[in-house]
Amino acid sequence: MLAKVMAMMCVRNTKLEDIHAGLVPVTKTGDYSDVVVVDAEGRKIPWPEVSHIDDDQMRALMKDIVNRLYTFQIRIDDPAFQSWIDRWAVVAGKWDDPELDQGFTEP
């Protein structure tokens, strides 16, 4: 449950929401191979090849996540913060249970 709450509070509710916002293109193939982006220079870029986040957005997102993870760890024993964690746990509790990521645990 802690992993799900941390994901909700420290990752989901960050600048990631800004990146996630907006229109989702329609695909009839299901794999977006039928979707292209036309940039300001007129290049037609297939959707699977388009970078969906630029370096500045990635930097801001990672800073936001690191700050939230740090704050979560520092405040975890604060009763007021624990109350806030408990409220988010209700929402996060509806998510799938986590699974061990073997690739992450190997050097």
Protein backbone atom coordinates (compact mmCIF):
# COMPACT_ATOMS: atom_id res chain seq x y z
CA MET A 1 0.00 0.00 0.00
CA LEU A 2 2.88 2.37 0.77
CA ALA A 3 4.23 2.00 -2.79
CA LYS A 4 0.81 2.86 -4.24
CA VAL A 5 0.35 5.86 -1.95
CA MET A 6 3.83 7.16 -2.76
CA ALA A 7 3.15 6.74 -6.48
CA MET A 8 -0.13 8.65 -6.12
CA MET A 9 1.23 11.46 -3.96
CA CYS A 10 4.78 11.77 -5.27
CA VAL A 11 4.49 10.88 -8.96
CA ARG A 12 0.90 11.02 -10.21
CA ASN A 13 0.00 14.38 -8.68
CA THR A 14 2.99 16.25 -10.15
CA LYS A 15 3.86 17.98 -13.39
CA LEU A 16 3.12 14.59 -14.94
CA GLU A 17 -0.53 15.69 -14.89
CA ASP A 18 0.38 18.65 -17.14
CA ILE A 19 2.07 16.29 -19.61
CA HIS A 20 -0.90 13.92 -19.46
CA ALA A 21 -3.42 16.72 -20.09
CA GLY A 22 -4.65 17.49 -23.57
CA LEU A 23 -6.17 15.70 -26.50
CA VAL A 24 -5.31 12.09 -27.19
CA PRO A 25 -5.04 11.37 -30.91
CA VAL A 26 -7.47 8.90 -32.47
CA THR A 27 -5.96 5.71 -33.83
CA LYS A 28 -7.82 3.16 -35.89
CA THR A 29 -4.97 0.64 -35.90
CA GLY A 30 -4.68 0.65 -32.11
CA ASP A 31 -0.90 1.10 -32.16
CA TYR A 32 -0.85 4.75 -33.37
CA SER A 33 1.02 3.79 -36.55
CA ASP A 34 -1.71 5.69 -38.41
CA VAL A 35 -1.08 8.96 -36.51
CA VAL A 36 1.48 11.60 -37.52
CA VAL A 37 2.55 14.93 -36.06
CA VAL A 38 3.33 17.78 -38.43
CA ASP A 39 5.89 20.12 -36.89
CA ALA A 40 6.59 23.79 -37.63
CA GLU A 41 9.01 22.82 -40.41
CA GLY A 42 6.40 20.64 -42.11
CA ARG A 43 8.03 17.35 -41.11
CA LYS A 44 5.55 14.50 -40.74
CA ILE A 45 6.70 12.46 -37.76
CA PRO A 46 5.02 9.11 -36.98
CA TRP A 47 3.44 9.20 -33.51
CA PRO A 48 5.54 6.30 -32.16
CA GLU A 49 8.69 8.28 -33.07
CA VAL A 50 7.61 11.60 -31.53
CA SER A 51 9.19 12.62 -28.24
CA HIS A 52 6.24 13.22 -25.97
CA ILE A 53 8.23 15.17 -23.38
CA ASP A 54 11.06 17.63 -23.94
CA ASP A 55 14.20 18.03 -21.80
CA ASP A 56 12.84 21.01 -19.84
CA GLN A 57 9.61 19.15 -19.04
CA MET A 58 11.58 16.06 -17.97
CA ARG A 59 13.84 18.14 -15.76
CA ALA A 60 10.86 19.87 -14.10
CA LEU A 61 9.04 16.55 -13.67
CA MET A 62 12.02 14.83 -12.07
CA LYS A 63 12.66 17.80 -9.75
CA ASP A 64 9.00 17.73 -8.71
CA ILE A 65 9.10 13.97 -8.05
CA VAL A 66 12.40 14.11 -6.13
CA ASN A 67 11.11 16.97 -3.96
CA ARG A 68 7.90 15.10 -3.20
CA LEU A 69 9.69 11.82 -2.40
CA TYR A 70 12.06 13.73 -0.11
CA THR A 71 9.20 15.54 1.61
CA PHE A 72 7.26 12.27 1.97
CA GLN A 73 10.24 10.61 3.65
CA ILE A 74 10.94 13.56 5.95
CA ARG A 75 7.28 13.96 7.02
CA ILE A 76 6.18 10.30 7.17
CA ASP A 77 6.15 10.35 11.00
CA ASP A 78 4.18 13.62 11.24
CA PRO A 79 0.62 12.76 12.39
CA ALA A 80 -0.93 15.50 10.24
CA PHE A 81 0.90 14.23 7.17
CA GLN A 82 -0.03 10.64 8.04
CA SER A 83 -3.67 11.75 8.02
CA TRP A 84 -3.18 13.10 4.50
CA ILE A 85 -1.51 9.82 3.47
CA ASP A 86 -4.52 7.93 4.83
CA ARG A 87 -6.89 10.01 2.68
CA TRP A 88 -4.87 9.30 -0.48
CA ALA A 89 -4.64 5.61 0.47
CA VAL A 90 -8.35 5.26 -0.21
CA VAL A 91 -7.84 6.29 -3.84
CA ALA A 92 -4.54 4.42 -4.27
CA GLY A 93 -6.13 1.31 -2.77
CA LYS A 94 -8.16 0.91 -5.97
CA TRP A 95 -5.00 0.51 -8.06
CA ASP A 96 -3.50 -2.87 -8.96
CA ASP A 97 -1.15 -4.32 -6.35
CA PRO A 98 2.54 -3.76 -7.09
CA GLU A 99 4.81 -6.50 -8.37
CA LEU A 100 8.51 -6.94 -7.73
CA ASP A 101 10.54 -5.53 -10.63
CA GLN A 102 13.34 -8.09 -10.96
CA GLY A 103 15.27 -5.93 -13.45
CA PHE A 104 15.35 -3.08 -10.95
CA THR A 105 16.85 -5.18 -8.18
CA GLU A 106 19.73 -6.62 -10.18
CA PRO A 107 23.00 -4.65 -10.48
